């Protein structure tokens, strides 16, 4: 098992009204790669995928 050591900056904000207005960004601090989401489930799925890849 490889050690997983990544740091992320998570930002959450509202862009308008209603549930559809939620915006989320996730930035990996070492590479500065930023991903954008509009659904919290998709953020969690992405983080779980990263964890599974690094546990192989």
N, C-alpha and C. Protein backbone atom coordinates (compact mmCIF):
# COMPACT_ATOMS: atom_id res chain seq x y z
N UNK A 1 0.85 -1.18 0.00
CA UNK A 1 0.00 0.00 0.00
C UNK A 1 0.90 1.24 0.00
N UNK A 2 0.63 2.16 -0.90
CA UNK A 2 1.37 3.42 -0.96
C UNK A 2 0.73 4.44 -0.03
N UNK A 3 1.57 5.31 0.51
CA UNK A 3 1.07 6.35 1.40
C UNK A 3 0.43 7.46 0.56
N UNK A 4 -0.73 7.88 0.97
CA UNK A 4 -1.44 8.96 0.28
C UNK A 4 -1.22 10.25 1.06
N UNK A 5 -0.58 11.20 0.42
CA UNK A 5 -0.34 12.48 1.07
C UNK A 5 -0.56 13.58 0.03
N UNK A 6 -1.77 14.02 -0.08
CA UNK A 6 -2.12 15.10 -1.00
C UNK A 6 -2.87 16.16 -0.21
N UNK A 7 -2.68 17.39 -0.62
CA UNK A 7 -3.38 18.49 0.04
C UNK A 7 -4.26 19.19 -1.00
N UNK A 8 -5.47 19.50 -0.56
CA UNK A 8 -6.44 20.14 -1.43
C UNK A 8 -7.02 21.38 -0.76
N UNK A 9 -7.39 22.31 -1.58
CA UNK A 9 -8.14 23.48 -1.13
C UNK A 9 -9.55 23.33 -1.69
N UNK A 10 -10.52 23.27 -0.80
CA UNK A 10 -11.92 23.12 -1.19
C UNK A 10 -12.62 24.45 -1.00
N UNK A 11 -13.27 24.93 -2.04
CA UNK A 11 -14.07 26.17 -1.95
C UNK A 11 -15.50 25.85 -2.33
N UNK A 12 -16.43 26.40 -1.57
CA UNK A 12 -17.87 26.20 -1.83
C UNK A 12 -18.53 27.56 -1.80
N UNK A 13 -19.37 27.85 -2.82
CA UNK A 13 -20.07 29.12 -2.87
C UNK A 13 -21.39 28.97 -3.61
N UNK A 14 -22.26 29.94 -3.39
CA UNK A 14 -23.56 29.97 -4.08
C UNK A 14 -23.45 30.93 -5.26
N UNK A 15 -24.01 30.52 -6.37
CA UNK A 15 -24.01 31.33 -7.59
C UNK A 15 -25.46 31.43 -8.07
N UNK A 16 -26.24 32.24 -7.40
CA UNK A 16 -27.65 32.38 -7.73
C UNK A 16 -28.53 31.83 -6.63
N UNK A 17 -29.74 31.42 -7.01
CA UNK A 17 -30.73 30.93 -6.04
C UNK A 17 -31.00 29.45 -6.26
N UNK A 18 -31.43 28.79 -5.19
CA UNK A 18 -31.84 27.39 -5.28
C UNK A 18 -30.67 26.43 -5.15
N UNK A 19 -31.00 25.14 -5.12
CA UNK A 19 -29.99 24.09 -4.95
C UNK A 19 -29.03 24.01 -6.13
N UNK A 20 -29.49 24.38 -7.31
CA UNK A 20 -28.66 24.30 -8.50
C UNK A 20 -27.57 25.36 -8.51
N UNK A 21 -27.61 26.29 -7.57
CA UNK A 21 -26.66 27.40 -7.55
C UNK A 21 -25.36 27.07 -6.81
N UNK A 22 -25.24 25.88 -6.24
CA UNK A 22 -24.05 25.51 -5.49
C UNK A 22 -22.88 25.26 -6.44
N UNK A 23 -21.74 25.87 -6.13
CA UNK A 23 -20.53 25.67 -6.92
C UNK A 23 -19.41 25.23 -5.98
N UNK A 24 -18.57 24.33 -6.46
CA UNK A 24 -17.49 23.78 -5.64
C UNK A 24 -16.24 23.70 -6.51
N UNK A 25 -15.11 24.11 -5.94
CA UNK A 25 -13.84 23.88 -6.61
C UNK A 25 -12.93 23.11 -5.67
N UNK A 26 -12.11 22.27 -6.27
CA UNK A 26 -11.16 21.45 -5.53
C UNK A 26 -9.81 21.62 -6.22
N UNK A 27 -8.85 22.24 -5.51
CA UNK A 27 -7.52 22.48 -6.08
C UNK A 27 -6.49 21.62 -5.38
N UNK A 28 -5.75 20.85 -6.17
CA UNK A 28 -4.65 20.06 -5.64
C UNK A 28 -3.47 21.02 -5.51
N UNK A 29 -2.97 21.21 -4.30
CA UNK A 29 -2.03 22.29 -4.02
C UNK A 29 -0.65 22.10 -4.66
N UNK A 30 -0.19 20.88 -4.82
CA UNK A 30 1.12 20.66 -5.43
C UNK A 30 1.10 20.98 -6.93
N UNK A 31 0.14 20.43 -7.65
CA UNK A 31 0.07 20.61 -9.11
C UNK A 31 -0.72 21.84 -9.52
N UNK A 32 -1.50 22.41 -8.60
CA UNK A 32 -2.38 23.55 -8.86
C UNK A 32 -3.53 23.19 -9.81
N UNK A 33 -3.74 21.91 -10.06
CA UNK A 33 -4.88 21.48 -10.89
C UNK A 33 -6.17 21.78 -10.13
N UNK A 34 -7.12 22.41 -10.80
CA UNK A 34 -8.40 22.76 -10.18
C UNK A 34 -9.53 22.10 -10.94
N UNK A 35 -10.40 21.44 -10.20
CA UNK A 35 -11.60 20.83 -10.77
C UNK A 35 -12.80 21.56 -10.21
N UNK A 36 -13.85 21.67 -11.01
CA UNK A 36 -15.07 22.37 -10.60
C UNK A 36 -16.25 21.41 -10.62
N UNK A 37 -17.12 21.57 -9.63
CA UNK A 37 -18.28 20.70 -9.46
C UNK A 37 -19.50 21.54 -9.13
N UNK A 38 -20.68 21.00 -9.42
CA UNK A 38 -21.92 21.64 -9.01
C UNK A 38 -22.76 20.69 -8.16
N UNK A 39 -22.15 19.58 -7.74
CA UNK A 39 -22.85 18.55 -6.99
C UNK A 39 -21.89 17.98 -5.94
N UNK A 40 -22.27 18.02 -4.67
CA UNK A 40 -21.40 17.54 -3.60
C UNK A 40 -21.11 16.04 -3.74
N UNK A 41 -22.05 15.28 -4.26
CA UNK A 41 -21.82 13.84 -4.44
C UNK A 41 -20.67 13.58 -5.40
N UNK A 42 -20.57 14.38 -6.43
CA UNK A 42 -19.50 14.20 -7.41
C UNK A 42 -18.13 14.52 -6.81
N UNK A 43 -18.07 15.50 -5.92
CA UNK A 43 -16.81 15.81 -5.23
C UNK A 43 -16.39 14.61 -4.38
N UNK A 44 -17.33 14.05 -3.62
CA UNK A 44 -17.02 12.90 -2.77
C UNK A 44 -16.61 11.69 -3.61
N UNK A 45 -17.29 11.46 -4.72
CA UNK A 45 -16.92 10.35 -5.61
C UNK A 45 -15.50 10.54 -6.14
N UNK A 46 -15.16 11.76 -6.50
CA UNK A 46 -13.82 12.05 -7.01
C UNK A 46 -12.77 11.75 -5.93
N UNK A 47 -13.00 12.21 -4.70
CA UNK A 47 -12.06 11.98 -3.61
C UNK A 47 -11.94 10.48 -3.29
N UNK A 48 -13.04 9.76 -3.36
CA UNK A 48 -12.98 8.31 -3.12
C UNK A 48 -12.18 7.62 -4.20
N UNK A 49 -12.31 8.06 -5.43
CA UNK A 49 -11.55 7.49 -6.54
C UNK A 49 -10.05 7.70 -6.34
N UNK A 50 -9.67 8.88 -5.89
CA UNK A 50 -8.26 9.17 -5.61
C UNK A 50 -7.74 8.23 -4.53
N UNK A 51 -8.51 8.06 -3.47
CA UNK A 51 -8.11 7.17 -2.39
C UNK A 51 -7.96 5.74 -2.84
N UNK A 52 -8.87 5.26 -3.66
CA UNK A 52 -8.82 3.87 -4.15
C UNK A 52 -7.60 3.66 -5.06
N UNK A 53 -7.30 4.64 -5.92
CA UNK A 53 -6.15 4.53 -6.83
C UNK A 53 -4.85 4.42 -6.04
N UNK A 54 -4.73 5.16 -4.96
CA UNK A 54 -3.49 5.18 -4.19
C UNK A 54 -3.38 4.04 -3.20
N UNK A 55 -4.45 3.29 -2.98
CA UNK A 55 -4.39 2.14 -2.08
C UNK A 55 -4.06 0.85 -2.82
N UNK A 56 -3.93 0.93 -4.13
CA UNK A 56 -3.64 -0.27 -4.93
C UNK A 56 -2.18 -0.63 -4.86
